[in-house]
Amino acid sequence: MRFVWRVLTGRCTRCGQQLNGHRESSEVLNEINGRVGRLAEELGRSPLAQNCHKCNRLVFEGEPGFTQRYLLVDIV
């Protein structure tokens, strides 16, 4: 149901961010800073960030669409 709702409202089906809309860069930066601030309060540290594979927008740890990827490195 979430997939259908996101398609109908013009959002990315993976992360839920708004698609096909032109916004000013200052508006986008304010939104990103607000999201980071809110998540930093919840986590007690700066959140990890990655790009959505589908729409290539910034997704932070704790938001829908964020996938935990672990890189295992063997140090000998």
Protein backbone atom coordinates (compact mmCIF):
# COMPACT_ATOMS: atom_id res chain seq x y z
CA MET A 1 0.00 0.00 0.00
CA ARG A 2 2.90 2.34 0.78
CA PHE A 3 4.26 1.75 -2.75
CA VAL A 4 0.95 2.72 -4.36
CA TRP A 5 0.60 5.82 -2.17
CA ARG A 6 4.11 7.00 -3.09
CA VAL A 7 3.44 6.50 -6.81
CA LEU A 8 0.16 8.44 -6.60
CA THR A 9 1.72 11.35 -4.66
CA GLY A 10 4.79 11.62 -6.91
CA ARG A 11 7.35 10.30 -4.45
CA CYS A 12 10.27 7.90 -4.82
CA THR A 13 9.02 4.36 -4.15
CA ARG A 14 12.23 3.49 -2.29
CA CYS A 15 12.93 6.48 0.00
CA GLY A 16 9.67 8.47 -0.18
CA GLN A 17 11.22 11.84 -1.13
CA GLN A 18 9.35 14.21 -3.46
CA LEU A 19 10.13 13.78 -7.17
CA ASN A 20 9.79 15.99 -10.24
CA GLY A 21 9.67 19.26 -8.40
CA HIS A 22 12.02 22.19 -8.79
CA ARG A 23 12.90 23.82 -5.49
CA GLU A 24 15.39 26.53 -4.68
CA SER A 25 18.73 25.37 -3.32
CA SER A 26 18.21 27.32 -0.08
CA GLU A 27 14.93 25.48 0.51
CA VAL A 28 16.59 22.10 -0.10
CA LEU A 29 19.49 22.98 2.23
CA ASN A 30 17.09 24.06 4.99
CA GLU A 31 15.21 20.78 4.65
CA ILE A 32 18.44 18.72 4.79
CA ASN A 33 19.72 20.66 7.81
CA GLY A 34 16.41 20.15 9.59
CA ARG A 35 16.46 16.41 8.90
CA VAL A 36 20.08 16.10 10.10
CA GLY A 37 19.35 18.09 13.26
CA ARG A 38 16.30 15.99 14.13
CA LEU A 39 18.15 12.72 13.51
CA ALA A 40 21.22 13.87 15.46
CA GLU A 41 19.00 14.54 18.48
CA GLU A 42 17.40 11.09 18.19
CA LEU A 43 20.67 9.19 17.66
CA GLY A 44 22.93 11.27 19.90
CA ARG A 45 25.48 11.58 17.08
CA SER A 46 25.70 12.65 13.46
CA PRO A 47 23.71 10.28 11.21
CA LEU A 48 25.25 8.32 8.36
CA ALA A 49 24.21 9.38 4.85
CA GLN A 50 23.90 7.68 1.48
CA ASN A 51 22.21 8.25 -1.87
CA CYS A 52 18.98 6.52 -2.79
CA HIS A 53 19.67 3.93 -5.51
CA LYS A 54 16.50 4.82 -7.36
CA CYS A 55 16.25 8.65 -7.29
CA ASN A 56 19.84 9.50 -6.22
CA ARG A 57 18.71 11.83 -3.41
CA LEU A 58 20.33 12.04 0.02
CA VAL A 59 18.97 9.58 2.61
CA PHE A 60 20.09 9.63 6.24
CA GLU A 61 20.34 6.84 8.78
CA GLY A 62 16.97 6.27 10.43
CA GLU A 63 14.91 7.35 7.40
CA PRO A 64 13.01 5.07 5.00
CA GLY A 65 15.21 3.91 2.13
CA PHE A 66 18.44 3.80 4.16
CA THR A 67 20.14 0.41 3.90
CA GLN A 68 22.83 -0.59 6.33
CA ARG A 69 25.94 -1.65 4.42
CA TYR A 70 28.89 -3.07 6.26
CA LEU A 71 32.31 -3.20 4.73
CA LEU A 72 34.37 -6.01 6.19
CA VAL A 73 38.11 -5.48 5.99
CA ASP A 74 40.63 -8.06 7.12
CA ILE A 75 43.71 -6.45 8.57
CA VAL A 76 46.62 -8.86 8.84
